Amino acid sequence: MGGPVSVLVGFRGEPRISAYRSSQRGARSVMYAYSSTYLEEWSETAGGPASQGDHTLTITKVGSPYCSSLSKAYPRLQGSLDATLPASASSAASGTVALRATF
């Protein structure tokens, strides 16, 4: 692959120790992986009209939130993300990308 990866995962409510899956109600995600030339693209989406691929976001530690005037951040959040990104039909890609991130 050799190119950039972009990940956005959302779910309802505040984070808690749990596993969040793309098949769950309210799940929203957009993930892209690109080849170094950007001619090949693999993607995962949930919560939209054309969902594809899948993901599991596992939170093992939440920690204390940091509150600003309009939002909260969880700087000590720990867990992992596992996702399968099929080749995007609009690119020259084939096969799937297995994404694994630990945080």
Protein backbone atom coordinates (compact mmCIF):
# COMPACT_ATOMS: atom_id res chain seq x y z
CA MET A 1 0.00 0.00 0.00
CA GLY A 2 2.43 2.70 1.15
CA GLY A 3 0.06 5.65 1.14
CA PRO A 4 -1.92 7.64 3.70
CA VAL A 5 -4.75 6.33 5.86
CA SER A 6 -7.70 8.41 7.10
CA VAL A 7 -10.07 7.21 9.85
CA LEU A 8 -13.20 8.74 11.39
CA VAL A 9 -15.41 6.70 13.75
CA GLY A 10 -18.46 7.96 15.61
CA PHE A 11 -21.07 6.51 17.93
CA ARG A 12 -23.85 7.77 20.18
CA GLY A 13 -23.13 9.05 23.67
CA GLU A 14 -19.96 9.34 25.73
CA PRO A 15 -17.20 6.76 25.31
CA ARG A 16 -17.24 3.84 27.72
CA ILE A 17 -15.42 0.54 28.03
CA SER A 18 -17.08 -1.50 25.31
CA ALA A 19 -16.81 -2.82 21.75
CA TYR A 20 -18.46 -0.67 19.07
CA ARG A 21 -19.22 -2.37 15.75
CA SER A 22 -20.14 -0.97 12.36
CA SER A 23 -23.26 -3.16 12.39
CA GLN A 24 -24.66 -1.47 15.51
CA ARG A 25 -27.44 1.08 15.29
CA GLY A 26 -26.08 4.62 15.20
CA ALA A 27 -22.59 3.61 14.07
CA ARG A 28 -20.92 6.05 11.71
CA SER A 29 -17.54 5.66 10.10
CA VAL A 30 -15.47 6.62 7.09
CA MET A 31 -12.06 5.06 6.51
CA TYR A 32 -9.78 5.31 3.50
CA ALA A 33 -6.42 3.77 2.65
CA TYR A 34 -4.53 4.83 -0.47
CA SER A 35 -1.62 3.54 -2.50
CA SER A 36 1.44 5.79 -2.68
CA THR A 37 0.26 7.01 -6.12
CA TYR A 38 -3.37 7.55 -4.99
CA LEU A 39 -4.52 5.43 -7.96
CA GLU A 40 -5.73 2.66 -5.65
CA GLU A 41 -8.21 3.23 -2.83
CA TRP A 42 -9.75 0.97 -0.21
CA SER A 43 -12.61 2.18 1.99
CA GLU A 44 -14.99 1.32 4.81
CA THR A 45 -18.19 3.22 5.56
CA ALA A 46 -21.03 2.71 8.02
CA GLY A 47 -24.18 4.72 8.69
CA GLY A 48 -24.67 5.95 5.16
CA PRO A 49 -26.60 4.83 2.12
CA ALA A 50 -23.77 2.64 0.74
CA SER A 51 -22.12 0.91 3.71
CA GLN A 52 -19.18 -1.37 2.94
CA GLY A 53 -16.54 -3.20 4.91
CA ASP A 54 -16.71 -3.45 8.67
CA HIS A 55 -15.00 -2.31 11.85
CA THR A 56 -14.80 -3.00 15.57
CA LEU A 57 -13.63 -0.22 17.89
CA THR A 58 -12.75 -1.61 21.31
CA ILE A 59 -12.28 0.82 24.20
CA THR A 60 -10.44 -0.70 27.16
CA LYS A 61 -9.80 2.46 29.21
CA VAL A 62 -11.60 5.80 29.09
CA GLY A 63 -9.79 7.99 31.62
CA SER A 64 -10.88 11.44 32.75
CA PRO A 65 -12.18 13.86 30.14
CA TYR A 66 -10.60 17.20 29.42
CA CYS A 67 -13.37 19.76 29.03
CA SER A 68 -13.19 22.88 26.89
CA SER A 69 -15.96 25.40 26.38
CA LEU A 70 -17.78 23.38 23.70
CA SER A 71 -16.51 19.81 23.83
CA LYS A 72 -14.69 17.05 25.69
CA ALA A 73 -11.50 15.21 24.83
CA TYR A 74 -10.31 11.94 26.32
CA PRO A 75 -6.50 12.11 26.21
CA ARG A 76 -5.99 8.81 28.07
CA LEU A 77 -8.43 6.77 25.98
CA GLN A 78 -7.00 3.32 25.22
CA GLY A 79 -8.10 0.48 22.97
CA SER A 80 -7.90 -0.78 19.42
CA LEU A 81 -9.55 -0.52 16.04
CA ASP A 82 -9.85 -3.44 13.62
CA ALA A 83 -11.35 -2.84 10.19
CA THR A 84 -11.70 -4.44 6.79
CA LEU A 85 -11.57 -2.04 3.86
CA PRO A 86 -12.61 -3.50 0.48
CA ALA A 87 -11.29 -2.02 -2.75
CA SER A 88 -13.27 1.02 -3.88
CA ALA A 89 -15.08 0.40 -7.16
CA SER A 90 -14.01 3.80 -8.49
CA SER A 91 -10.28 2.95 -8.31
CA ALA A 92 -7.82 0.45 -9.78
CA ALA A 93 -7.55 -1.33 -6.42
CA SER A 94 -8.36 -4.98 -5.77
CA GLY A 95 -8.64 -7.14 -2.66
CA THR A 96 -9.01 -5.78 0.87
CA VAL A 97 -6.93 -3.92 3.40
CA ALA A 98 -6.90 -5.13 7.01
CA LEU A 99 -6.46 -2.12 9.28
CA ARG A 100 -5.31 -2.53 12.90
CA ALA A 101 -4.64 0.44 15.15
CA THR A 102 -3.80 0.42 18.85
CA PHE A 103 -4.11 3.56 20.96
